[in-house]
C-alpha atoms as a PDB file:
ATOM      1  CA  MET A   1      -7.146 -22.606  -8.681  1.00  0.00           C
ATOM      2  CA  LYS A   2     -10.221 -20.976 -10.191  1.00  0.00           C
ATOM      3  CA  GLN A   3      -9.991 -17.658 -12.019  1.00  0.00           C
ATOM      4  CA  LEU A   4      -8.463 -15.062  -9.689  1.00  0.00           C
ATOM      5  CA  TRP A   5      -9.990 -11.640  -9.099  1.00  0.00           C
ATOM      6  CA  ALA A   6      -8.751  -8.850  -6.837  1.00  0.00           C
ATOM      7  CA  LEU A   7     -11.070  -6.410  -5.095  1.00  0.00           C
ATOM      8  CA  ILE A   8      -9.464  -3.329  -3.562  1.00  0.00           C
ATOM      9  CA  LEU A   9     -11.448  -1.419  -0.960  1.00  0.00           C
ATOM     10  CA  ALA A  10     -10.765   2.296  -1.424  1.00  0.00           C
ATOM     11  CA  ALA A  11     -14.047   3.984  -0.519  1.00  0.00           C
ATOM     12  CA  GLY A  12     -13.214   5.256   2.968  1.00  0.00           C
ATOM     13  CA  GLU A  13     -12.893   8.910   3.840  1.00  0.00           C
ATOM     14  CA  GLY A  14      -9.819   8.618   6.036  1.00  0.00           C
ATOM     15  CA  LYS A  15     -11.053  11.078   8.663  1.00  0.00           C
ATOM     16  CA  ARG A  16      -7.944  10.693  10.812  1.00  0.00           C
ATOM     17  CA  MET A  17      -5.803  12.078   7.999  1.00  0.00           C
ATOM     18  CA  TYR A  18      -7.542  15.462   8.449  1.00  0.00           C
ATOM     19  CA  SER A  19      -7.243  16.182   4.750  1.00  0.00           C
ATOM     20  CA  ARG A  20      -9.397  17.230   1.817  1.00  0.00           C
ATOM     21  CA  LEU A  21      -7.513  14.632  -0.222  1.00  0.00           C
ATOM     22  CA  PRO A  22      -8.939  11.069  -0.144  1.00  0.00           C
ATOM     23  CA  LYS A  23      -6.676   8.913   1.981  1.00  0.00           C
ATOM     24  CA  VAL A  24      -5.686   6.529  -0.808  1.00  0.00           C
ATOM     25  CA  LEU A  25      -4.416   9.451  -2.921  1.00  0.00           C
ATOM     26  CA  HIS A  26      -1.815  10.604  -0.409  1.00  0.00           C
ATOM     27  CA  PRO A  27       1.696  10.234  -1.862  1.00  0.00           C
ATOM     28  CA  LEU A  28       4.451   7.991  -0.562  1.00  0.00           C
ATOM     29  CA  CYS A  29       7.858   8.387  -2.203  1.00  0.00           C
ATOM     30  CA  GLY A  30       6.413   9.727  -5.448  1.00  0.00           C
ATOM     31  CA  ARG A  31       3.525   7.269  -5.755  1.00  0.00           C
ATOM     32  CA  ARG A  32      -0.088   7.486  -4.632  1.00  0.00           C
ATOM     33  CA  MET A  33      -0.895   5.199  -1.728  1.00  0.00           C
ATOM     34  CA  LEU A  34      -3.413   3.192  -3.751  1.00  0.00           C
ATOM     35  CA  SER A  35      -0.972   2.568  -6.596  1.00  0.00           C
ATOM     36  CA  TYR A  36       1.176   0.283  -4.434  1.00  0.00           C
ATOM     37  CA  ILE A  37      -1.488  -2.335  -3.734  1.00  0.00           C
ATOM     38  CA  LEU A  38      -2.812  -1.962  -7.289  1.00  0.00           C
ATOM     39  CA  GLY A  39       0.635  -2.867  -8.570  1.00  0.00           C
ATOM     40  CA  SER A  40       0.896  -5.853  -6.235  1.00  0.00           C
ATOM     41  CA  ALA A  41      -2.503  -7.196  -7.280  1.00  0.00           C
ATOM     42  CA  ALA A  42      -1.900  -6.584 -10.986  1.00  0.00           C
ATOM     43  CA  GLU A  43       1.130  -8.871 -10.896  1.00  0.00           C
ATOM     44  CA  LEU A  44      -1.217 -11.749 -10.024  1.00  0.00           C
ATOM     45  CA  THR A  45      -4.307 -11.009 -12.112  1.00  0.00           C
ATOM     46  CA  LYS A  46      -5.649  -8.643 -14.743  1.00  0.00           C
ATOM     47  CA  GLN A  47      -9.091  -8.870 -13.120  1.00  0.00           C
ATOM     48  CA  VAL A  48      -8.895  -6.001 -10.627  1.00  0.00           C
ATOM     49  CA  LEU A  49     -11.832  -4.006  -9.235  1.00  0.00           C
ATOM     50  CA  ILE A  50     -11.556  -0.854  -7.121  1.00  0.00           C
ATOM     51  CA  VAL A  51     -14.392   0.019  -4.742  1.00  0.00           C
ATOM     52  CA  VAL A  52     -14.632   3.811  -4.566  1.00  0.00           C
ATOM     53  CA  GLY A  53     -16.853   6.059  -2.485  1.00  0.00           C
ATOM     54  CA  HIS A  54     -15.498   9.133  -0.756  1.00  0.00           C
ATOM     55  CA  GLY A  55     -13.654  11.199  -3.368  1.00  0.00           C
ATOM     56  CA  ALA A  56     -14.628   8.705  -6.071  1.00  0.00           C
ATOM     57  CA  SER A  57     -14.250  11.219  -8.895  1.00  0.00           C
ATOM     58  CA  GLN A  58     -10.754  12.169  -7.703  1.00  0.00           C
ATOM     59  CA  VAL A  59      -9.679   8.538  -7.528  1.00  0.00           C
ATOM     60  CA  ARG A  60     -11.059   7.842 -11.022  1.00  0.00           C
ATOM     61  CA  GLU A  61      -9.398  10.942 -12.430  1.00  0.00           C
ATOM     62  CA  THR A  62      -6.061  10.038 -10.867  1.00  0.00           C
ATOM     63  CA  PHE A  63      -5.946   6.394 -11.961  1.00  0.00           C
ATOM     64  CA  GLY A  64      -7.860   6.701 -15.222  1.00  0.00           C
ATOM     65  CA  ASP A  65      -9.861   4.252 -17.286  1.00  0.00           C
ATOM     66  CA  ASN A  66      -7.343   1.417 -17.199  1.00  0.00           C
ATOM     67  CA  TRP A  67      -9.012   0.147 -14.027  1.00  0.00           C
ATOM     68  CA  ASN A  68     -12.542  -1.076 -13.277  1.00  0.00           C
ATOM     69  CA  TYR A  69     -14.484   0.714 -10.537  1.00  0.00           C
ATOM     70  CA  VAL A  70     -17.432  -0.119  -8.286  1.00  0.00           C
ATOM     71  CA  LEU A  71     -19.219   2.774  -6.569  1.00  0.00           C
ATOM     72  CA  GLN A  72     -20.192   2.314  -2.919  1.00  0.00           C
ATOM     73  CA  LYS A  73     -22.585   5.239  -2.488  1.00  0.00           C
ATOM     74  CA  GLN A  74     -23.029   4.669   1.238  1.00  0.00           C
ATOM     75  CA  GLN A  75     -20.123   3.465   3.355  1.00  0.00           C
ATOM     76  CA  LEU A  76     -21.893   0.813   5.423  1.00  0.00           C
ATOM     77  CA  GLY A  77     -18.878  -1.342   6.200  1.00  0.00           C
ATOM     78  CA  THR A  78     -16.493  -3.718   4.462  1.00  0.00           C
ATOM     79  CA  GLY A  79     -19.181  -6.366   4.062  1.00  0.00           C
ATOM     80  CA  HIS A  80     -21.392  -3.872   2.272  1.00  0.00           C
ATOM     81  CA  ALA A  81     -18.509  -2.870  -0.022  1.00  0.00           C
ATOM     82  CA  VAL A  82     -18.089  -6.479  -1.145  1.00  0.00           C
ATOM     83  CA  MET A  83     -21.875  -6.836  -1.573  1.00  0.00           C
ATOM     84  CA  GLU A  84     -21.794  -3.907  -3.992  1.00  0.00           C
ATOM     85  CA  ALA A  85     -18.868  -5.459  -5.871  1.00  0.00           C
ATOM     86  CA  LEU A  86     -20.585  -8.828  -6.334  1.00  0.00           C
ATOM     87  CA  LYS A  87     -22.620  -7.281  -9.152  1.00  0.00           C
ATOM     88  CA  ALA A  88     -19.422  -6.900 -11.170  1.00  0.00           C
ATOM     89  CA  LEU A  89     -17.918 -10.285 -10.256  1.00  0.00           C
ATOM     90  CA  PRO A  90     -18.476 -13.667 -11.924  1.00  0.00           C
ATOM     91  CA  GLN A  91     -20.591 -16.366 -10.293  1.00  0.00           C
ATOM     92  CA  LYS A  92     -17.533 -18.467  -9.503  1.00  0.00           C
ATOM     93  CA  GLY A  93     -13.853 -17.828  -8.921  1.00  0.00           C
ATOM     94  CA  THR A  94     -11.306 -16.872  -6.277  1.00  0.00           C
ATOM     95  CA  LEU A  95     -11.368 -13.395  -4.787  1.00  0.00           C
ATOM     96  CA  LEU A  96      -8.570 -11.493  -3.075  1.00  0.00           C
ATOM     97  CA  VAL A  97     -10.011  -8.704  -0.934  1.00  0.00           C
ATOM     98  CA  LEU A  98      -7.412  -6.015  -0.297  1.00  0.00           C
ATOM     99  CA  CYS A  99      -7.303  -2.596   1.347  1.00  0.00           C
ATOM    100  CA  GLY A 100      -6.267   0.471  -0.605  1.00  0.00           C
ATOM    101  CA  ASP A 101      -4.272   1.818   2.338  1.00  0.00           C
ATOM    102  CA  THR A 102      -1.720  -1.045   2.612  1.00  0.00           C
ATOM    103  CA  PRO A 103       1.200   0.089   0.429  1.00  0.00           C
ATOM    104  CA  LEU A 104       3.698  -2.308   2.032  1.00  0.00           C
ATOM    105  CA  LEU A 105       1.749  -5.459   1.135  1.00  0.00           C
ATOM    106  CA  GLU A 106       3.815  -6.664  -1.807  1.00  0.00           C
ATOM    107  CA  THR A 107       2.999  -9.440  -4.266  1.00  0.00           C
ATOM    108  CA  SER A 108       5.165 -11.991  -2.435  1.00  0.00           C
ATOM    109  CA  TYR A 109       2.846 -11.803   0.587  1.00  0.00           C
ATOM    110  CA  LEU A 110      -0.247 -12.177  -1.573  1.00  0.00           C
ATOM    111  CA  LYS A 111       1.242 -15.298  -3.147  1.00  0.00           C
ATOM    112  CA  LYS A 112       1.739 -16.829   0.310  1.00  0.00           C
ATOM    113  CA  LEU A 113      -1.842 -15.964   1.198  1.00  0.00           C
ATOM    114  CA  LEU A 114      -3.026 -17.789  -1.915  1.00  0.00           C
ATOM    115  CA  GLU A 115      -0.910 -20.808  -0.966  1.00  0.00           C
ATOM    116  CA  HIS A 116      -2.647 -20.941   2.420  1.00  0.00           C
ATOM    117  CA  TYR A 117      -6.019 -20.594   0.748  1.00  0.00           C
ATOM    118  CA  GLU A 118      -5.523 -23.883  -1.125  1.00  0.00           C
ATOM    119  CA  GLN A 119      -6.043 -25.695   2.196  1.00  0.00           C
ATOM    120  CA  HIS A 120      -9.115 -23.771   3.390  1.00  0.00           C
ATOM    121  CA  ALA A 121     -12.516 -22.399   2.418  1.00  0.00           C
ATOM    122  CA  ALA A 122     -11.272 -18.894   3.243  1.00  0.00           C
ATOM    123  CA  VAL A 123      -8.116 -17.286   4.592  1.00  0.00           C
ATOM    124  CA  VAL A 124      -7.382 -14.009   6.360  1.00  0.00           C
ATOM    125  CA  ALA A 125      -3.976 -12.345   6.541  1.00  0.00           C
ATOM    126  CA  SER A 126      -3.142 -11.616  10.163  1.00  0.00           C
ATOM    127  CA  THR A 127      -0.146 -10.305  12.066  1.00  0.00           C
ATOM    128  CA  LYS A 128       0.960  -9.926  15.671  1.00  0.00           C
ATOM    129  CA  VAL A 129       1.478  -6.389  16.913  1.00  0.00           C
ATOM    130  CA  PRO A 130       3.000  -4.956  20.106  1.00  0.00           C
ATOM    131  CA  ASP A 131      -0.147  -2.926  20.781  1.00  0.00           C
ATOM    132  CA  PRO A 132      -3.351  -4.339  19.240  1.00  0.00           C
ATOM    133  CA  THR A 133      -5.554  -1.482  20.490  1.00  0.00           C
ATOM    134  CA  GLY A 134      -8.057  -0.456  17.838  1.00  0.00           C
ATOM    135  CA  TYR A 135      -7.625  -3.542  15.653  1.00  0.00           C
ATOM    136  CA  GLY A 136      -9.913  -6.503  15.113  1.00  0.00           C
ATOM    137  CA  ARG A 137      -8.629  -9.582  16.973  1.00  0.00           C
ATOM    138  CA  VAL A 138      -8.215 -12.977  15.321  1.00  0.00           C
ATOM    139  CA  ILE A 139      -9.673 -15.626  17.607  1.00  0.00           C
ATOM    140  CA  ARG A 140      -8.382 -19.132  16.890  1.00  0.00           C
ATOM    141  CA  GLY A 141      -9.665 -22.465  18.142  1.00  0.00           C
ATOM    142  CA  ARG A 142      -7.565 -25.201  19.712  1.00  0.00           C
ATOM    143  CA  ASN A 143      -6.891 -26.620  16.254  1.00  0.00           C
ATOM    144  CA  GLY A 144      -5.345 -23.326  15.153  1.00  0.00           C
ATOM    145  CA  LEU A 145      -8.143 -22.499  12.722  1.00  0.00           C
ATOM    146  CA  VAL A 146      -9.935 -19.167  12.815  1.00  0.00           C
ATOM    147  CA  GLU A 147     -13.229 -19.197  14.680  1.00  0.00           C
ATOM    148  CA  ARG A 148     -14.045 -15.525  14.352  1.00  0.00           C
ATOM    149  CA  ILE A 149     -12.671 -12.011  14.164  1.00  0.00           C
ATOM    150  CA  VAL A 150     -13.969  -9.554  16.731  1.00  0.00           C
ATOM    151  CA  GLU A 151     -13.655  -5.793  16.328  1.00  0.00           C
ATOM    152  CA  ASP A 152     -11.903  -3.902  19.101  1.00  0.00           C
ATOM    153  CA  LYS A 153     -15.069  -2.028  20.106  1.00  0.00           C
ATOM    154  CA  ASP A 154     -17.023  -5.293  20.305  1.00  0.00           C
ATOM    155  CA  ALA A 155     -14.319  -7.378  22.009  1.00  0.00           C
ATOM    156  CA  SER A 156     -14.431  -8.641  25.578  1.00  0.00           C
ATOM    157  CA  ILE A 157     -11.601  -7.874  28.011  1.00  0.00           C
ATOM    158  CA  LYS A 158     -10.115 -11.332  27.428  1.00  0.00           C
ATOM    159  CA  GLU A 159     -10.376 -11.049  23.644  1.00  0.00           C
ATOM    160  CA  ARG A 160      -8.560  -7.721  23.748  1.00  0.00           C
ATOM    161  CA  GLU A 161      -5.550  -9.500  25.260  1.00  0.00           C
ATOM    162  CA  THR A 162      -5.018 -11.238  21.906  1.00  0.00           C
ATOM    163  CA  CYS A 163      -2.178  -9.619  19.951  1.00  0.00           C
ATOM    164  CA  GLU A 164      -2.960 -11.323  16.609  1.00  0.00           C
ATOM    165  CA  ILE A 165      -4.951  -8.841  14.552  1.00  0.00           C
ATOM    166  CA  ASN A 166      -6.838  -8.734  11.273  1.00  0.00           C
ATOM    167  CA  THR A 167      -5.056  -6.860   8.453  1.00  0.00           C
ATOM    168  CA  GLY A 168      -8.202  -6.610   6.320  1.00  0.00           C
ATOM    169  CA  THR A 169      -6.782  -8.851   3.598  1.00  0.00           C
ATOM    170  CA  TYR A 170      -8.658 -12.037   2.659  1.00  0.00           C
ATOM    171  CA  CYS A 171      -9.042 -14.777   0.093  1.00  0.00           C
ATOM    172  CA  PHE A 172     -12.527 -16.159  -0.576  1.00  0.00           C
ATOM    173  CA  ASP A 173     -14.405 -18.454  -2.899  1.00  0.00           C
ATOM    174  CA  ILE A 174     -16.794 -16.141  -4.772  1.00  0.00           C
ATOM    175  CA  GLU A 175     -19.579 -18.707  -4.773  1.00  0.00           C
ATOM    176  CA  LEU A 176     -19.363 -19.038  -0.991  1.00  0.00           C
ATOM    177  CA  LEU A 177     -19.350 -15.256  -0.631  1.00  0.00           C
ATOM    178  CA  ARG A 178     -22.605 -15.068  -2.576  1.00  0.00           C
ATOM    179  CA  TYR A 179     -24.120 -17.468  -0.084  1.00  0.00           C
ATOM    180  CA  TYR A 180     -22.817 -15.881   3.135  1.00  0.00           C
ATOM    181  CA  LEU A 181     -22.852 -12.127   2.486  1.00  0.00           C
ATOM    182  CA  PRO A 182     -26.685 -11.861   2.557  1.00  0.00           C
ATOM    183  CA  ARG A 183     -26.574 -13.410   6.036  1.00  0.00           C
ATOM    184  CA  LEU A 184     -24.585 -10.510   7.518  1.00  0.00           C
ATOM    185  CA  THR A 185     -26.296  -8.188   9.957  1.00  0.00           C
ATOM    186  CA  THR A 186     -25.459  -4.786  11.445  1.00  0.00           C
ATOM    187  CA  GLU A 187     -25.846  -5.943  15.043  1.00  0.00           C
ATOM    188  CA  ASN A 188     -22.624  -4.361  16.300  1.00  0.00           C
ATOM    189  CA  ILE A 189     -21.338  -1.147  17.850  1.00  0.00           C
ATOM    190  CA  GLN A 190     -20.804   0.581  14.486  1.00  0.00           C
ATOM    191  CA  ASN A 191     -24.035  -0.651  12.875  1.00  0.00           C
ATOM    192  CA  GLU A 192     -22.099  -1.834   9.829  1.00  0.00           C
ATOM    193  CA  TYR A 193     -21.826  -4.983   7.752  1.00  0.00           C
ATOM    194  CA  TYR A 194     -18.530  -6.525   8.844  1.00  0.00           C
ATOM    195  CA  LEU A 195     -16.827  -8.658   6.187  1.00  0.00           C
ATOM    196  CA  PRO A 196     -14.957 -10.654   8.889  1.00  0.00           C
ATOM    197  CA  ASP A 197     -18.324 -11.938  10.129  1.00  0.00           C
ATOM    198  CA  VAL A 198     -18.407 -14.101   6.998  1.00  0.00           C
ATOM    199  CA  LEU A 199     -15.528 -16.098   8.488  1.00  0.00           C
ATOM    200  CA  PHE A 200     -17.535 -16.729  11.668  1.00  0.00           C
ATOM    201  CA  LEU A 201     -20.542 -17.915   9.645  1.00  0.00           C
ATOM    202  CA  MET A 202     -18.282 -20.270   7.688  1.00  0.00           C
ATOM    203  CA  HIS A 203     -16.774 -21.637  10.891  1.00  0.00           C
ATOM    204  CA  GLN A 204     -20.251 -22.242  12.322  1.00  0.00           C
ATOM    205  CA  ASP A 205     -21.070 -24.325   9.259  1.00  0.00           C
ATOM    206  CA  GLY A 206     -17.971 -26.449   9.750  1.00  0.00           C
ATOM    207  CA  LEU A 207     -15.866 -24.932   6.977  1.00  0.00           C
ATOM    208  CA  SER A 208     -12.110 -24.555   7.426  1.00  0.00           C
ATOM    209  CA  VAL A 209     -10.981 -20.944   7.878  1.00  0.00           C
ATOM    210  CA  GLY A 210      -7.252 -20.320   7.989  1.00  0.00           C
ATOM    211  CA  ALA A 211      -4.988 -17.400   8.828  1.00  0.00           C
ATOM    212  CA  TYR A 212      -1.691 -16.497   7.201  1.00  0.00           C
ATOM    213  CA  CYS A 213       0.251 -14.635   9.886  1.00  0.00           C
ATOM    214  CA  ILE A 214       2.633 -12.082   8.349  1.00  0.00           C
ATOM    215  CA  GLU A 215       5.860 -12.006  10.345  1.00  0.00           C
ATOM    216  CA  ASP A 216       6.662  -8.320   9.794  1.00  0.00           C
ATOM    217  CA  TYR A 217       3.625  -6.621  11.324  1.00  0.00           C
ATOM    218  CA  ARG A 218       4.318  -3.323   9.538  1.00  0.00           C
ATOM    219  CA  VAL A 219       3.552  -4.900   6.168  1.00  0.00           C
ATOM    220  CA  GLY A 220      -0.120  -5.610   6.707  1.00  0.00           C
ATOM    221  CA  LEU A 221      -1.162  -2.559   8.682  1.00  0.00           C
ATOM    222  CA  GLY A 222      -3.293   0.063   6.992  1.00  0.00           C
ATOM    223  CA  ILE A 223      -2.429   3.746   7.091  1.00  0.00           C
ATOM    224  CA  ASN A 224      -4.962   5.714   9.103  1.00  0.00           C
ATOM    225  CA  ASN A 225      -3.090   8.875  10.077  1.00  0.00           C
ATOM    226  CA  ARG A 226      -0.031  10.970   9.232  1.00  0.00           C
ATOM    227  CA  VAL A 227       2.131   9.178  11.800  1.00  0.00           C
ATOM    228  CA  GLN A 228       1.506   5.827  10.117  1.00  0.00           C
ATOM    229  CA  LEU A 229       2.036   7.479   6.735  1.00  0.00           C
ATOM    230  CA  ALA A 230       5.509   8.612   7.816  1.00  0.00           C
ATOM    231  CA  GLU A 231       6.298   5.132   9.154  1.00  0.00           C
ATOM    232  CA  ALA A 232       5.382   3.579   5.804  1.00  0.00           C
ATOM    233  CA  VAL A 233       7.487   6.146   3.939  1.00  0.00           C
ATOM    234  CA  SER A 234      10.435   5.206   6.163  1.00  0.00           C
ATOM    235  CA  VAL A 235      10.072   1.523   5.251  1.00  0.00           C
ATOM    236  CA  ILE A 236       9.825   2.305   1.528  1.00  0.00           C
ATOM    237  CA  GLN A 237      12.775   4.713   1.707  1.00  0.00           C
ATOM    238  CA  ASN A 238      14.933   2.078   3.364  1.00  0.00           C
ATOM    239  CA  LYS A 239      14.142  -0.328   0.542  1.00  0.00           C
ATOM    240  CA  ILE A 240      14.879   2.285  -2.148  1.00  0.00           C
ATOM    241  CA  THR A 241      18.225   3.336  -0.678  1.00  0.00           C
ATOM    242  CA  ASN A 242      19.333  -0.255  -0.054  1.00  0.00           C
ATOM    243  CA  GLU A 243      18.593  -1.202  -3.666  1.00  0.00           C
ATOM    244  CA  LEU A 244      20.532   1.799  -4.953  1.00  0.00           C
ATOM    245  CA  MET A 245      23.555   1.023  -2.800  1.00  0.00           C
ATOM    246  CA  LEU A 246      23.528  -2.620  -3.886  1.00  0.00           C
ATOM    247  CA  LYS A 247      23.610  -1.390  -7.504  1.00  0.00           C
ATOM    248  CA  GLY A 248      26.726   0.732  -7.017  1.00  0.00           C
ATOM    249  CA  VAL A 249      25.476   4.072  -5.700  1.00  0.00           C
ATOM    250  CA  THR A 250      27.150   5.580  -2.617  1.00  0.00           C
ATOM    251  CA  LEU A 251      24.953   7.234  -0.003  1.00  0.00           C
ATOM    252  CA  ASP A 252      27.011   8.872   2.736  1.00  0.00           C
ATOM    253  CA  ASP A 253      24.061   8.984   5.118  1.00  0.00           C
ATOM    254  CA  PRO A 254      21.021   7.054   3.774  1.00  0.00           C
ATOM    255  CA  GLY A 255      18.779   8.157   6.614  1.00  0.00           C
ATOM    256  CA  SER A 256      19.196  11.840   5.759  1.00  0.00           C
ATOM    257  CA  VAL A 257      18.038  11.683   2.122  1.00  0.00           C
ATOM    258  CA  HIS A 258      14.658  11.289   0.436  1.00  0.00           C
ATOM    259  CA  ILE A 259      14.637   9.493  -2.914  1.00  0.00           C
ATOM    260  CA  ASP A 260      11.437   8.692  -4.803  1.00  0.00           C
ATOM    261  CA  TYR A 261      10.707   5.201  -6.085  1.00  0.00           C
ATOM    262  CA  ASP A 262      11.347   5.757  -9.824  1.00  0.00           C
ATOM    263  CA  VAL A 263      14.554   7.806  -9.595  1.00  0.00           C
ATOM    264  CA  GLN A 264      17.405   6.427 -11.716  1.00  0.00           C
ATOM    265  CA  ILE A 265      20.994   6.820 -10.498  1.00  0.00           C
ATOM    266  CA  GLY A 266      24.122   5.535 -12.243  1.00  0.00           C
ATOM    267  CA  THR A 267      27.028   3.647 -10.708  1.00  0.00           C
ATOM    268  CA  ASP A 268      29.763   5.390  -8.728  1.00  0.00           C
ATOM    269  CA  THR A 269      27.539   8.398  -8.119  1.00  0.00           C
ATOM    270  CA  VAL A 270      27.755   9.774  -4.577  1.00  0.00           C
ATOM    271  CA  ILE A 271      24.716  11.201  -2.815  1.00  0.00           C
ATOM    272  CA  ARG A 272      25.688  13.428   0.097  1.00  0.00           C
ATOM    273  CA  PRO A 273      23.461  14.141   3.137  1.00  0.00           C
ATOM    274  CA  ASP A 274      20.280  16.239   3.163  1.00  0.00           C
ATOM    275  CA  CYS A 275      19.219  15.675  -0.429  1.00  0.00           C
ATOM    276  CA  VAL A 276      15.680  15.395  -1.804  1.00  0.00           C
ATOM    277  CA  ILE A 277      15.526  13.628  -5.166  1.00  0.00           C
ATOM    278  CA  GLU A 278      11.993  13.447  -6.533  1.00  0.00           C
ATOM    279  CA  LYS A 279      10.247  11.394  -9.191  1.00  0.00           C
ATOM    280  CA  GLY A 280      11.281  11.724 -12.788  1.00  0.00           C
ATOM    281  CA  THR A 281      14.905  12.471 -11.948  1.00  0.00           C
ATOM    282  CA  VAL A 282      17.673  10.675 -13.827  1.00  0.00           C
ATOM    283  CA  ILE A 283      21.255  10.916 -12.560  1.00  0.00           C
ATOM    284  CA  GLY A 284      24.171   9.561 -14.582  1.00  0.00           C
ATOM    285  CA  LYS A 285      27.387   7.857 -13.535  1.00  0.00           C
ATOM    286  CA  GLU A 286      30.142   9.301 -11.308  1.00  0.00           C
ATOM    287  CA  CYS A 287      28.110  12.339 -10.276  1.00  0.00           C
ATOM    288  CA  ARG A 288      28.354  14.161  -6.957  1.00  0.00           C
ATOM    289  CA  ILE A 289      24.992  15.260  -5.599  1.00  0.00           C
ATOM    290  CA  GLY A 290      24.696  17.381  -2.469  1.00  0.00           C
ATOM    291  CA  PRO A 291      24.870  18.075   0.303  1.00  0.00           C
ATOM    292  CA  GLY A 292      21.653  20.021   0.610  1.00  0.00           C
ATOM    293  CA  THR A 293      20.365  19.537  -2.943  1.00  0.00           C
ATOM    294  CA  HIS A 294      16.793  19.260  -4.255  1.00  0.00           C
ATOM    295  CA  LEU A 295      16.187  17.651  -7.657  1.00  0.00           C
ATOM    296  CA  TYR A 296      12.770  17.385  -9.320  1.00  0.00           C
ATOM    297  CA  GLU A 297      12.366  15.820 -12.785  1.00  0.00           C
ATOM    298  CA  ALA A 298      15.992  16.731 -13.360  1.00  0.00           C
ATOM    299  CA  VAL A 299      18.463  15.108 -15.734  1.00  0.00           C
ATOM    300  CA  ILE A 300      21.987  15.125 -14.329  1.00  0.00           C
ATOM    301  CA  ASN A 301      24.437  13.759 -16.857  1.00  0.00           C
ATOM    302  CA  ASP A 302      27.638  11.824 -16.107  1.00  0.00           C
ATOM    303  CA  GLN A 303      30.292  13.314 -13.820  1.00  0.00           C
ATOM    304  CA  ALA A 304      28.272  16.423 -13.006  1.00  0.00           C
ATOM    305  CA  VAL A 305      28.431  18.034  -9.563  1.00  0.00           C
ATOM    306  CA  VAL A 306      25.397  19.667  -7.933  1.00  0.00           C
ATOM    307  CA  GLN A 307      25.696  20.989  -4.389  1.00  0.00           C
ATOM    308  CA  HIS A 308      23.477  23.143  -2.155  1.00  0.00           C
ATOM    309  CA  SER A 309      21.185  23.793  -5.126  1.00  0.00           C
ATOM    310  CA  VAL A 310      17.727  23.270  -6.624  1.00  0.00           C
ATOM    311  CA  VAL A 311      17.313  21.807 -10.122  1.00  0.00           C
ATOM    312  CA  ASN A 312      13.700  21.694 -11.320  1.00  0.00           C
ATOM    313  CA  LYS A 313      12.790  20.162 -14.699  1.00  0.00           C
ATOM    314  CA  SER A 314      16.193  21.032 -16.115  1.00  0.00           C
ATOM    315  CA  ALA A 315      19.152  19.166 -17.574  1.00  0.00           C
ATOM    316  CA  ILE A 316      22.762  19.500 -16.450  1.00  0.00           C
ATOM    317  CA  LYS A 317      25.507  18.647 -18.943  1.00  0.00           C
ATOM    318  CA  SER A 318      28.205  16.082 -18.253  1.00  0.00           C
ATOM    319  CA  GLY A 319      31.075  17.384 -16.157  1.00  0.00           C
ATOM    320  CA  SER A 320      29.275  20.583 -15.141  1.00  0.00           C
ATOM    321  CA  VAL A 321      29.479  22.055 -11.660  1.00  0.00           C
ATOM    322  CA  VAL A 322      26.310  23.635 -10.256  1.00  0.00           C
ATOM    323  CA  GLY A 323      26.211  25.605  -7.016  1.00  0.00           C
ATOM    324  CA  PRO A 324      26.435  26.279  -4.282  1.00  0.00           C
ATOM    325  CA  PHE A 325      23.140  28.138  -3.973  1.00  0.00           C
ATOM    326  CA  ALA A 326      21.921  27.841  -7.562  1.00  0.00           C
ATOM    327  CA  HIS A 327      18.234  27.583  -8.473  1.00  0.00           C
ATOM    328  CA  ILE A 328      17.700  26.212 -11.974  1.00  0.00           C
ATOM    329  CA  SER A 329      14.111  25.779 -13.059  1.00  0.00           C
ATOM    330  CA  ALA A 330      14.011  26.341 -16.823  1.00  0.00           C
ATOM    331  CA  LYS A 331      14.097  23.472 -19.347  1.00  0.00           C
ATOM    332  CA  LYS A 332      17.551  24.186 -20.682  1.00  0.00           C
ATOM    333  CA  MET A 333      21.056  22.772 -20.662  1.00  0.00           C
ATOM    334  CA  ILE A 334      23.397  24.214 -18.048  1.00  0.00           C
ATOM    335  CA  ASN A 335      27.152  24.009 -18.362  1.00  0.00           C
ATOM    336  CA  ASN A 336      30.273  25.911 -17.385  1.00  0.00           C
ATOM    337  CA  GLU A 337      30.849  27.524 -20.782  1.00  0.00           C
END
């Protein structure tokens, strides 16, 4: 395969979030939304570009200078975003186009997409959903190849019956993109340059366009509102708690606790119901945490007990008992002496 680049589209405002914060900066389990797909892409290539627009300065400030950015001054559609990015891309290579609001799309799925791409001129990641309303539909020909993707607002009644939808994730040949992007028009309901229209133009020219259908539809769907944000958090939380339990941590009621992604917990520690354990927290072995405990950047050493309490940026010595109803927020060691 040619040199791989990843382009992450993160310029949208996210109006349905009803927030002053850019959508891709909303947190999920202690990480910004955008950081998830950045991490997935970075495992495959060091050549990663982020298209920013709405809240560009906030995104840059949050993620720093370790990433390369492309500014989309006007949000004129996904096709326009890629047009702007072409200036920063090489003449030839392979390009993954990803959405900044897909935190569940892990590297393993991107690898499968790349495997499908080896057989085609371009590939789109699709999935089948119970209710496709609002999503672009993937229209396949009799041979199973993709003929076009039609946006929900532009779709006919028959096309809207299709439950296979576009996730907004693609793999393209950069050289082909340079040829087809200038041929896009804004002749659609939203008067935007649709990136999926490139697939239709390729199909018209006899090129093979494939689709990698992701079995778990939740993985590929973007987050557009707070309901979908909560659904994604639930998926991530389930993964976090399962991994902890498989490593020797007891959770009496996994569904009642919130544990951020980078929390460290030692073996034989028991987490009781109704606990919130936030990023930066380290819990030792054989501890008893909860019920009803909130830890933030706390260090809980081995065999300590913390119940019905708040520990904020503080350390608890081994064997100590804290609570009930303690609130410890100073950076100091707490013990029973």
